[in-house]
Structure formats: C-alpha cells, structure tokens
Amino acid sequence: MARKRMIDPSIWQSEDFGKLSTLAKIVFIGLFSLADDEGRGRCNPVYLKSTLFPYEENIRSADIDKTLSEISSNMSVVLYSCDGSSYYSLLSWDTFQKIDRPSQSKIPEYNENTMELLFDEHSTNNRRTIAPNKNKKRIEDNRNIKEENRNKIVEIYNTYCANLPQVQKLTEKRNKSIDNFLKDFSIEQFEEICKIANVSEFLIGNNDRNWKADFDFLMRTDKATAILEGKYSQKKRDKLDGFKDLWKEAKDEEERNGANNNTFGW
C-alpha cells in the first residue's frame, strides 16, 4: 500500500497545473498518492479508473486516458510502456516528497533506449491521442540536474577530503548512491560531512589497521548521519574507550558481511 504523500501548496499556483481540466487535476494528484517510494506507478486507464474512482459510474477509462494525455503535455511526469504494461514516473518526486527509508521500486525505471513514451509523436501506440508535450525536454533537464549534482558531490569530496582516497571515476553504482544520498541530505550537509571526515583521526587512517574511509563510505546514509552527529569527532576520539567502541563496531560489521579483502565489506 502506498504511503501518505504531501501536496505542496504551490501546486495551486502552478501555471502548468492550472492548464489541466478538473478531472485531470484529480488524476494527477492521484498519481503521486499512488506512487511508490521512487515516484513510479501503473498508469493503465482501467486500473486508474477502478482505483481512483471506484464509485463514479459516469467516469470511464477513456476519460482517464484523455487526462493522461493532458498530464503528459503539461506536468513533469513520464508515461511509458515496458513489456506491454503502462507506467509513469514523476520527475520532480524527490523535490516534493521526502521518504524515510524508501523501499526499492518494483517498476522498471524509464529507459529512453529500450522503452516507448505513451504520448510521443513517434509512438506506435495507436490507441493514444497524440498531444504536444514537453516530456523530452523535462527528461533531459532532469538528467542534467542529476549529472550536475553528481559532479558537484565529487568535486566537494575531492576538495575537502584531501586526507582520504580521491574519487577517480563515477560508476553507475556510485551515481545511484549519490542520487539516493541526496534524497536524505543536502549538498551543504555533504560539504560539512566531508570537512568533519577529513580531520577525523579514525577515518583518515590513524588506527591500528591503517584503514581509511572513502567516498563510498561517506555515501552511506547511516555513516553520514553518524559523522554529522559527532560519532567520529575529535572529542570522542580523544578517549580511548571511544576509539575502541568505533573499532568494535567496525569489526562487528565485518563479521556480519563476511570476511573479504575489504576490511569492512564495502
């Protein structure tokens, strides 16, 4: 079952939202109320009609289909098909919804190379009414924003974490880690995390195994939270018991993850 979602008050002043018909406005709000923790959901008109309007006999699935065309034309949402099923993805999801411990989506992420937009001028889905839309631009803008944020995060890390191993390459796994990290923390908070980590004796390798934290370590939300809350601060490190506690925690995690060449299993 979908969690409770927030409706940003600014939506009522949005010019794009104002272009929608009354029914389309309700359906759009329904989309993000039904969306999973990554802002995705099913957009089959029959499904949406039965879910959003189970008692409205005068609303047909064909009416829902028309509203989806309106929504695709005006709002920051991608409607696409994959393996015969119809889905949607809300592009501004992370801006307006803050999810505590989000669950991984079971719906495939939109891939422009392998999937088809439902309301694209080149769509082969003849049932759809072709409408002019801004989806391609929105998708590109969203991609550019993510790329800029990823590069900014790496730049901050390499600038402020001179005592830690520097990032040489952004992998797909790291890109996803950064995207998930920024759902919980701001770029300004990450800068503070880096500054703290760079002067932490324990994190920069002054321990009996010469282990050092790295970028992937800082990308873990539990570790980032611990750093911000002072768990690795100098004041605590000055106490031998505090250092031992940190090391014991690291050893316990190593045992849970299984022994390997990486001390902590990251």
C-alpha atoms as a PDB file:
ATOM      1  CA  MET A   1       0.000   0.000   0.000  1.00  0.00           C
ATOM      2  CA  ALA A   2       1.291   3.484  -0.866  1.00  0.00           C
ATOM      3  CA  ARG A   3       2.364   5.722   1.983  1.00  0.00           C
ATOM      4  CA  LYS A   4       0.832   9.096   2.756  1.00  0.00           C
ATOM      5  CA  ARG A   5       2.083  11.770   0.371  1.00  0.00           C
ATOM      6  CA  MET A   6       2.416  15.521   0.677  1.00  0.00           C
ATOM      7  CA  ILE A   7       0.634  18.011  -1.581  1.00  0.00           C
ATOM      8  CA  ASP A   8       2.792  21.112  -1.928  1.00  0.00           C
ATOM      9  CA  PRO A   9       0.594  24.224  -1.564  1.00  0.00           C
ATOM     10  CA  SER A  10       2.407  25.852  -4.503  1.00  0.00           C
ATOM     11  CA  ILE A  11       0.726  23.383  -6.876  1.00  0.00           C
ATOM     12  CA  TRP A  12      -2.433  25.522  -6.860  1.00  0.00           C
ATOM     13  CA  GLN A  13      -0.475  28.499  -8.226  1.00  0.00           C
ATOM     14  CA  SER A  14       1.311  26.418 -10.865  1.00  0.00           C
ATOM     15  CA  GLU A  15       0.516  27.580 -14.398  1.00  0.00           C
ATOM     16  CA  ASP A  16       1.124  24.086 -15.783  1.00  0.00           C
ATOM     17  CA  PHE A  17      -1.221  22.532 -13.227  1.00  0.00           C
ATOM     18  CA  GLY A  18      -3.771  25.264 -13.981  1.00  0.00           C
ATOM     19  CA  LYS A  19      -3.893  24.190 -17.640  1.00  0.00           C
ATOM     20  CA  LEU A  20      -5.347  20.799 -16.653  1.00  0.00           C
ATOM     21  CA  SER A  21      -9.052  20.067 -16.661  1.00  0.00           C
ATOM     22  CA  THR A  22     -10.656  19.472 -13.285  1.00  0.00           C
ATOM     23  CA  LEU A  23     -10.647  15.720 -13.818  1.00  0.00           C
ATOM     24  CA  ALA A  24      -7.007  15.738 -14.940  1.00  0.00           C
ATOM     25  CA  LYS A  25      -6.043  17.643 -11.789  1.00  0.00           C
ATOM     26  CA  ILE A  26      -7.639  14.967  -9.635  1.00  0.00           C
ATOM     27  CA  VAL A  27      -5.967  12.198 -11.628  1.00  0.00           C
ATOM     28  CA  PHE A  28      -2.563  13.897 -11.351  1.00  0.00           C
ATOM     29  CA  ILE A  29      -2.896  14.166  -7.571  1.00  0.00           C
ATOM     30  CA  GLY A  30      -3.979  10.531  -7.650  1.00  0.00           C
ATOM     31  CA  LEU A  31      -0.775   9.590  -9.481  1.00  0.00           C
ATOM     32  CA  PHE A  32       1.514  10.806  -6.746  1.00  0.00           C
ATOM     33  CA  SER A  33      -0.786   9.495  -3.998  1.00  0.00           C
ATOM     34  CA  LEU A  34      -0.466   6.025  -5.580  1.00  0.00           C
ATOM     35  CA  ALA A  35       3.230   6.298  -6.478  1.00  0.00           C
ATOM     36  CA  ASP A  36       5.798   4.055  -4.813  1.00  0.00           C
ATOM     37  CA  ASP A  37       8.753   5.429  -2.859  1.00  0.00           C
ATOM     38  CA  GLU A  38      10.651   6.238  -6.059  1.00  0.00           C
ATOM     39  CA  GLY A  39       7.767   8.140  -7.644  1.00  0.00           C
ATOM     40  CA  ARG A  40       6.641   5.441 -10.067  1.00  0.00           C
ATOM     41  CA  GLY A  41       3.350   3.685 -10.629  1.00  0.00           C
ATOM     42  CA  ARG A  42       1.000   1.972 -13.067  1.00  0.00           C
ATOM     43  CA  CYS A  43      -0.955   4.163 -15.471  1.00  0.00           C
ATOM     44  CA  ASN A  44      -3.265   1.733 -17.212  1.00  0.00           C
ATOM     45  CA  PRO A  45      -6.509   3.774 -17.577  1.00  0.00           C
ATOM     46  CA  VAL A  46      -8.701   0.852 -16.483  1.00  0.00           C
ATOM     47  CA  TYR A  47      -6.590   0.374 -13.357  1.00  0.00           C
ATOM     48  CA  LEU A  48      -6.596   4.099 -12.523  1.00  0.00           C
ATOM     49  CA  LYS A  49     -10.357   4.364 -13.029  1.00  0.00           C
ATOM     50  CA  SER A  50     -11.064   1.444 -10.692  1.00  0.00           C
ATOM     51  CA  THR A  51      -8.566   2.713  -8.094  1.00  0.00           C
ATOM     52  CA  LEU A  52      -9.236   6.441  -8.102  1.00  0.00           C
ATOM     53  CA  PHE A  53     -12.946   6.448  -8.957  1.00  0.00           C
ATOM     54  CA  PRO A  54     -14.416   3.105  -7.859  1.00  0.00           C
ATOM     55  CA  TYR A  55     -17.878   4.580  -7.247  1.00  0.00           C
ATOM     56  CA  GLU A  56     -18.085   7.079 -10.132  1.00  0.00           C
ATOM     57  CA  GLU A  57     -20.142   5.356 -12.833  1.00  0.00           C
ATOM     58  CA  ASN A  58     -20.099   8.417 -15.082  1.00  0.00           C
ATOM     59  CA  ILE A  59     -16.301   8.389 -15.363  1.00  0.00           C
ATOM     60  CA  ARG A  60     -14.974   5.973 -17.970  1.00  0.00           C
ATOM     61  CA  SER A  61     -11.496   4.605 -18.532  1.00  0.00           C
ATOM     62  CA  ALA A  62     -11.492   6.518 -21.836  1.00  0.00           C
ATOM     63  CA  ASP A  63     -11.894   9.736 -19.817  1.00  0.00           C
ATOM     64  CA  ILE A  64      -8.862   8.774 -17.720  1.00  0.00           C
ATOM     65  CA  ASP A  65      -6.909   8.134 -20.901  1.00  0.00           C
ATOM     66  CA  LYS A  66      -7.626  11.693 -22.065  1.00  0.00           C
ATOM     67  CA  THR A  67      -6.488  13.131 -18.739  1.00  0.00           C
ATOM     68  CA  LEU A  68      -3.210  11.231 -19.040  1.00  0.00           C
ATOM     69  CA  SER A  69      -2.630  12.971 -22.367  1.00  0.00           C
ATOM     70  CA  GLU A  70      -3.210  16.334 -20.659  1.00  0.00           C
ATOM     71  CA  ILE A  71      -0.894  15.430 -17.795  1.00  0.00           C
ATOM     72  CA  SER A  72       1.812  14.255 -20.168  1.00  0.00           C
ATOM     73  CA  SER A  73       1.603  17.543 -22.065  1.00  0.00           C
ATOM     74  CA  ASN A  74       1.846  19.832 -19.050  1.00  0.00           C
ATOM     75  CA  MET A  75       3.339  18.169 -15.980  1.00  0.00           C
ATOM     76  CA  SER A  76       6.766  16.818 -15.041  1.00  0.00           C
ATOM     77  CA  VAL A  77       5.870  13.177 -15.499  1.00  0.00           C
ATOM     78  CA  VAL A  78       6.939  10.491 -17.954  1.00  0.00           C
ATOM     79  CA  LEU A  79       4.348   7.979 -19.116  1.00  0.00           C
ATOM     80  CA  TYR A  80       5.878   4.963 -20.804  1.00  0.00           C
ATOM     81  CA  SER A  81       5.345   1.344 -21.748  1.00  0.00           C
ATOM     82  CA  CYS A  82       7.516  -1.643 -20.921  1.00  0.00           C
ATOM     83  CA  ASP A  83       6.789  -5.250 -21.873  1.00  0.00           C
ATOM     84  CA  GLY A  84       3.176  -4.390 -22.658  1.00  0.00           C
ATOM     85  CA  SER A  85       2.452  -2.574 -19.392  1.00  0.00           C
ATOM     86  CA  SER A  86       1.952   1.163 -18.876  1.00  0.00           C
ATOM     87  CA  TYR A  87       3.808   3.078 -16.169  1.00  0.00           C
ATOM     88  CA  TYR A  88       4.536   6.616 -15.033  1.00  0.00           C
ATOM     89  CA  SER A  89       7.496   8.273 -13.335  1.00  0.00           C
ATOM     90  CA  LEU A  90       7.239  11.635 -11.565  1.00  0.00           C
ATOM     91  CA  LEU A  91      10.365  13.631 -12.435  1.00  0.00           C
ATOM     92  CA  SER A  92      10.159  16.076  -9.515  1.00  0.00           C
ATOM     93  CA  TRP A  93       9.383  13.401  -6.949  1.00  0.00           C
ATOM     94  CA  ASP A  94      12.477  13.955  -4.800  1.00  0.00           C
ATOM     95  CA  THR A  95      11.818  17.692  -4.680  1.00  0.00           C
ATOM     96  CA  PHE A  96       8.361  17.448  -3.169  1.00  0.00           C
ATOM     97  CA  GLN A  97       8.403  14.123  -1.310  1.00  0.00           C
ATOM     98  CA  LYS A  98      10.847  13.195   1.449  1.00  0.00           C
ATOM     99  CA  ILE A  99      10.701   9.460   2.141  1.00  0.00           C
ATOM    100  CA  ASP A 100      12.167   7.945   5.293  1.00  0.00           C
ATOM    101  CA  ARG A 101      13.798   4.618   4.447  1.00  0.00           C
ATOM    102  CA  PRO A 102      12.368   4.313   0.923  1.00  0.00           C
ATOM    103  CA  SER A 103      11.579   0.892  -0.486  1.00  0.00           C
ATOM    104  CA  GLN A 104      13.047  -0.037  -3.850  1.00  0.00           C
ATOM    105  CA  SER A 105      10.617   0.300  -6.723  1.00  0.00           C
ATOM    106  CA  LYS A 106       9.348  -2.856  -8.385  1.00  0.00           C
ATOM    107  CA  ILE A 107       8.502  -0.847 -11.500  1.00  0.00           C
ATOM    108  CA  PRO A 108      11.196  -0.611 -14.208  1.00  0.00           C
ATOM    109  CA  GLU A 109      12.858   2.781 -14.486  1.00  0.00           C
ATOM    110  CA  TYR A 110      12.233   4.590 -17.756  1.00  0.00           C
ATOM    111  CA  ASN A 111      14.941   3.963 -20.345  1.00  0.00           C
ATOM    112  CA  GLU A 112      14.667   6.018 -23.499  1.00  0.00           C
ATOM    113  CA  ASN A 113      16.700   3.462 -25.450  1.00  0.00           C
ATOM    114  CA  THR A 114      14.506   0.461 -24.728  1.00  0.00           C
ATOM    115  CA  MET A 115      11.093   1.871 -23.774  1.00  0.00           C
ATOM    116  CA  GLU A 116       8.427   3.884 -25.552  1.00  0.00           C
ATOM    117  CA  LEU A 117       6.761   7.075 -24.404  1.00  0.00           C
ATOM    118  CA  LEU A 118       2.977   6.737 -24.401  1.00  0.00           C
ATOM    119  CA  PHE A 119       2.274  10.217 -25.713  1.00  0.00           C
ATOM    120  CA  ASP A 120       5.208  10.769 -28.035  1.00  0.00           C
ATOM    121  CA  GLU A 121       4.720  11.900 -31.616  1.00  0.00           C
ATOM    122  CA  HIS A 122       6.629   8.811 -32.751  1.00  0.00           C
ATOM    123  CA  SER A 123       4.654   6.416 -30.555  1.00  0.00           C
ATOM    124  CA  THR A 124       3.295   3.288 -32.227  1.00  0.00           C
ATOM    125  CA  ASN A 125       0.524   3.060 -29.644  1.00  0.00           C
ATOM    126  CA  ASN A 126      -2.395   3.992 -31.895  1.00  0.00           C
ATOM    127  CA  ARG A 127      -4.933   3.984 -29.062  1.00  0.00           C
ATOM    128  CA  ARG A 128      -3.328   7.090 -27.646  1.00  0.00           C
ATOM    129  CA  THR A 129      -4.251  10.605 -28.673  1.00  0.00           C
ATOM    130  CA  ILE A 130      -1.057  12.313 -29.706  1.00  0.00           C
ATOM    131  CA  ALA A 131      -0.571  15.560 -27.844  1.00  0.00           C
ATOM    132  CA  PRO A 132       2.213  18.127 -27.950  1.00  0.00           C
ATOM    133  CA  ASN A 133       4.287  17.667 -24.801  1.00  0.00           C
ATOM    134  CA  LYS A 134       7.422  18.770 -23.024  1.00  0.00           C
ATOM    135  CA  ASN A 135       8.436  15.340 -21.787  1.00  0.00           C
ATOM    136  CA  LYS A 136      11.634  15.057 -23.775  1.00  0.00           C
ATOM    137  CA  LYS A 137      12.859  18.416 -22.529  1.00  0.00           C
ATOM    138  CA  ARG A 138      11.843  17.606 -18.965  1.00  0.00           C
ATOM    139  CA  ILE A 139      13.612  14.252 -19.117  1.00  0.00           C
ATOM    140  CA  GLU A 140      16.737  15.925 -20.458  1.00  0.00           C
ATOM    141  CA  ASP A 141      16.556  18.692 -17.835  1.00  0.00           C
ATOM    142  CA  ASN A 142      16.115  16.144 -15.063  1.00  0.00           C
ATOM    143  CA  ARG A 143      19.070  14.146 -16.365  1.00  0.00           C
ATOM    144  CA  ASN A 144      21.220  17.286 -16.495  1.00  0.00           C
ATOM    145  CA  ILE A 145      20.308  18.248 -12.938  1.00  0.00           C
ATOM    146  CA  LYS A 146      21.259  14.800 -11.675  1.00  0.00           C
ATOM    147  CA  GLU A 147      24.550  14.908 -13.545  1.00  0.00           C
ATOM    148  CA  GLU A 148      25.355  18.364 -12.172  1.00  0.00           C
ATOM    149  CA  ASN A 149      24.598  17.217  -8.621  1.00  0.00           C
ATOM    150  CA  ARG A 150      26.753  14.113  -9.016  1.00  0.00           C
ATOM    151  CA  ASN A 151      29.690  16.139 -10.304  1.00  0.00           C
ATOM    152  CA  LYS A 152      29.225  18.679  -7.512  1.00  0.00           C
ATOM    153  CA  ILE A 153      29.275  15.944  -4.868  1.00  0.00           C
ATOM    154  CA  VAL A 154      32.512  14.502  -6.268  1.00  0.00           C
ATOM    155  CA  GLU A 155      34.080  17.968  -6.503  1.00  0.00           C
ATOM    156  CA  ILE A 156      33.213  18.668  -2.862  1.00  0.00           C
ATOM    157  CA  TYR A 157      34.617  15.331  -1.734  1.00  0.00           C
ATOM    158  CA  ASN A 158      37.895  15.679  -3.638  1.00  0.00           C
ATOM    159  CA  THR A 159      38.275  19.267  -2.396  1.00  0.00           C
ATOM    160  CA  TYR A 160      37.540  18.795   1.283  1.00  0.00           C
ATOM    161  CA  CYS A 161      38.694  15.192   1.796  1.00  0.00           C
ATOM    162  CA  ALA A 162      42.361  15.566   0.895  1.00  0.00           C
ATOM    163  CA  ASN A 163      43.288  13.040   3.587  1.00  0.00           C
ATOM    164  CA  LEU A 164      41.060  10.350   2.097  1.00  0.00           C
ATOM    165  CA  PRO A 165      41.349   8.383  -1.172  1.00  0.00           C
ATOM    166  CA  GLN A 166      40.284  10.617  -4.063  1.00  0.00           C
ATOM    167  CA  VAL A 167      37.476   9.722  -6.451  1.00  0.00           C
ATOM    168  CA  GLN A 168      38.874   8.814  -9.862  1.00  0.00           C
ATOM    169  CA  LYS A 169      35.728   7.602 -11.589  1.00  0.00           C
ATOM    170  CA  LEU A 170      31.958   7.791 -11.252  1.00  0.00           C
ATOM    171  CA  THR A 171      30.458   4.348 -11.792  1.00  0.00           C
ATOM    172  CA  GLU A 172      26.789   3.569 -12.292  1.00  0.00           C
ATOM    173  CA  LYS A 173      26.679   2.215  -8.738  1.00  0.00           C
ATOM    174  CA  ARG A 174      28.133   5.448  -7.403  1.00  0.00           C
ATOM    175  CA  ASN A 175      25.679   7.507  -9.443  1.00  0.00           C
ATOM    176  CA  LYS A 176      22.780   5.661  -7.837  1.00  0.00           C
ATOM    177  CA  SER A 177      24.370   6.068  -4.402  1.00  0.00           C
ATOM    178  CA  ILE A 178      24.641   9.831  -4.911  1.00  0.00           C
ATOM    179  CA  ASP A 179      21.041  10.074  -6.135  1.00  0.00           C
ATOM    180  CA  ASN A 180      19.824   8.165  -3.073  1.00  0.00           C
ATOM    181  CA  PHE A 181      22.097  10.154  -0.743  1.00  0.00           C
ATOM    182  CA  LEU A 182      20.626  13.453  -1.955  1.00  0.00           C
ATOM    183  CA  LYS A 183      17.153  12.251  -1.053  1.00  0.00           C
ATOM    184  CA  ASP A 184      18.181  12.447   2.612  1.00  0.00           C
ATOM    185  CA  PHE A 185      20.923  15.082   2.701  1.00  0.00           C
ATOM    186  CA  SER A 186      21.565  18.419   1.050  1.00  0.00           C
ATOM    187  CA  ILE A 187      24.749  19.296  -0.832  1.00  0.00           C
ATOM    188  CA  GLU A 188      25.590  21.716   2.000  1.00  0.00           C
ATOM    189  CA  GLN A 189      25.309  18.910   4.541  1.00  0.00           C
ATOM    190  CA  PHE A 190      27.622  16.745   2.446  1.00  0.00           C
ATOM    191  CA  GLU A 191      30.226  19.517   2.458  1.00  0.00           C
ATOM    192  CA  GLU A 192      30.046  19.567   6.264  1.00  0.00           C
ATOM    193  CA  ILE A 193      30.341  15.768   6.371  1.00  0.00           C
ATOM    194  CA  CYS A 194      33.488  15.941   4.243  1.00  0.00           C
ATOM    195  CA  LYS A 195      35.059  18.603   6.453  1.00  0.00           C
ATOM    196  CA  ILE A 196      34.444  16.538   9.580  1.00  0.00           C
ATOM    197  CA  ALA A 197      35.666  13.299   7.982  1.00  0.00           C
ATOM    198  CA  ASN A 198      38.875  14.892   6.748  1.00  0.00           C
ATOM    199  CA  VAL A 199      40.016  15.720  10.310  1.00  0.00           C
ATOM    200  CA  SER A 200      38.768  12.540  11.975  1.00  0.00           C
ATOM    201  CA  GLU A 201      41.810  10.566  13.148  1.00  0.00           C
ATOM    202  CA  PHE A 202      39.898   7.321  12.909  1.00  0.00           C
ATOM    203  CA  LEU A 203      38.504   7.978   9.430  1.00  0.00           C
ATOM    204  CA  ILE A 204      41.798   9.194   7.922  1.00  0.00           C
ATOM    205  CA  GLY A 205      43.636   6.051   8.941  1.00  0.00           C
ATOM    206  CA  ASN A 206      45.128   6.684  12.369  1.00  0.00           C
ATOM    207  CA  ASN A 207      44.016   3.333  13.723  1.00  0.00           C
ATOM    208  CA  ASP A 208      45.824   0.045  14.357  1.00  0.00           C
ATOM    209  CA  ARG A 209      44.923  -1.353  10.909  1.00  0.00           C
ATOM    210  CA  ASN A 210      45.554   1.824   8.915  1.00  0.00           C
ATOM    211  CA  TRP A 211      42.071   1.636   7.460  1.00  0.00           C
ATOM    212  CA  LYS A 212      40.724   4.769   5.782  1.00  0.00           C
ATOM    213  CA  ALA A 213      37.205   5.824   4.966  1.00  0.00           C
ATOM    214  CA  ASP A 214      36.483   6.596   1.323  1.00  0.00           C
ATOM    215  CA  PHE A 215      33.834   8.168  -0.865  1.00  0.00           C
ATOM    216  CA  ASP A 216      31.595   5.086  -0.807  1.00  0.00           C
ATOM    217  CA  PHE A 217      31.730   5.079   2.989  1.00  0.00           C
ATOM    218  CA  LEU A 218      30.541   8.683   3.165  1.00  0.00           C
ATOM    219  CA  MET A 219      27.724   7.918   0.721  1.00  0.00           C
ATOM    220  CA  ARG A 220      26.148   5.544   3.234  1.00  0.00           C
ATOM    221  CA  THR A 221      23.347   7.408   4.969  1.00  0.00           C
ATOM    222  CA  ASP A 222      23.946   5.688   8.313  1.00  0.00           C
ATOM    223  CA  LYS A 223      27.635   6.631   8.296  1.00  0.00           C
ATOM    224  CA  ALA A 224      26.911  10.166   7.074  1.00  0.00           C
ATOM    225  CA  THR A 225      24.416  10.597   9.908  1.00  0.00           C
ATOM    226  CA  ALA A 226      26.950   9.281  12.437  1.00  0.00           C
ATOM    227  CA  ILE A 227      29.567  11.755  11.193  1.00  0.00           C
ATOM    228  CA  LEU A 228      27.165  14.699  11.434  1.00  0.00           C
ATOM    229  CA  GLU A 229      26.104  13.633  14.918  1.00  0.00           C
ATOM    230  CA  GLY A 230      29.729  13.641  16.125  1.00  0.00           C
ATOM    231  CA  LYS A 231      30.335   9.929  16.439  1.00  0.00           C
ATOM    232  CA  TYR A 232      33.715  10.306  14.735  1.00  0.00           C
ATOM    233  CA  SER A 233      34.534  13.697  16.220  1.00  0.00           C
ATOM    234  CA  GLN A 234      37.896  14.567  17.767  1.00  0.00           C
ATOM    235  CA  LYS A 235      36.400  14.946  21.213  1.00  0.00           C
ATOM    236  CA  LYS A 236      35.231  11.369  21.277  1.00  0.00           C
ATOM    237  CA  ARG A 237      38.402  10.046  19.672  1.00  0.00           C
ATOM    238  CA  ASP A 238      40.477  11.578  22.448  1.00  0.00           C
ATOM    239  CA  LYS A 239      39.017   8.952  24.738  1.00  0.00           C
ATOM    240  CA  LEU A 240      40.493   5.500  24.296  1.00  0.00           C
ATOM    241  CA  ASP A 241      37.160   3.867  25.092  1.00  0.00           C
ATOM    242  CA  GLY A 242      35.522   5.844  22.319  1.00  0.00           C
ATOM    243  CA  PHE A 243      38.119   4.667  19.814  1.00  0.00           C
ATOM    244  CA  LYS A 244      37.683   1.073  20.933  1.00  0.00           C
ATOM    245  CA  ASP A 245      33.925   1.372  20.517  1.00  0.00           C
ATOM    246  CA  LEU A 246      34.378   2.567  16.942  1.00  0.00           C
ATOM    247  CA  TRP A 247      36.753  -0.251  16.160  1.00  0.00           C
ATOM    248  CA  LYS A 248      34.488  -2.854  17.743  1.00  0.00           C
ATOM    249  CA  GLU A 249      31.595  -1.581  15.622  1.00  0.00           C
ATOM    250  CA  ALA A 250      33.731  -1.885  12.506  1.00  0.00           C
ATOM    251  CA  LYS A 251      34.807  -5.423  13.425  1.00  0.00           C
ATOM    252  CA  ASP A 252      31.216  -6.457  14.147  1.00  0.00           C
ATOM    253  CA  GLU A 253      30.137  -5.158  10.750  1.00  0.00           C
ATOM    254  CA  GLU A 254      32.966  -7.032   9.093  1.00  0.00           C
ATOM    255  CA  GLU A 255      31.768 -10.272  10.668  1.00  0.00           C
ATOM    256  CA  ARG A 256      28.196  -9.633   9.585  1.00  0.00           C
ATOM    257  CA  ASN A 257      29.217  -9.000   6.000  1.00  0.00           C
ATOM    258  CA  GLY A 258      31.714 -11.865   5.833  1.00  0.00           C
ATOM    259  CA  ALA A 259      35.480 -11.675   5.600  1.00  0.00           C
ATOM    260  CA  ASN A 260      36.971 -10.334   2.386  1.00  0.00           C
ATOM    261  CA  ASN A 261      39.853  -8.196   1.231  1.00  0.00           C
ATOM    262  CA  ASN A 262      37.990  -5.042   2.186  1.00  0.00           C
ATOM    263  CA  THR A 263      38.093  -4.712   5.945  1.00  0.00           C
ATOM    264  CA  PHE A 264      34.534  -3.528   6.293  1.00  0.00           C
ATOM    265  CA  GLY A 265      32.827  -5.229   3.374  1.00  0.00           C
ATOM    266  CA  TRP A 266      32.087  -2.034   1.408  1.00  0.00           C
END
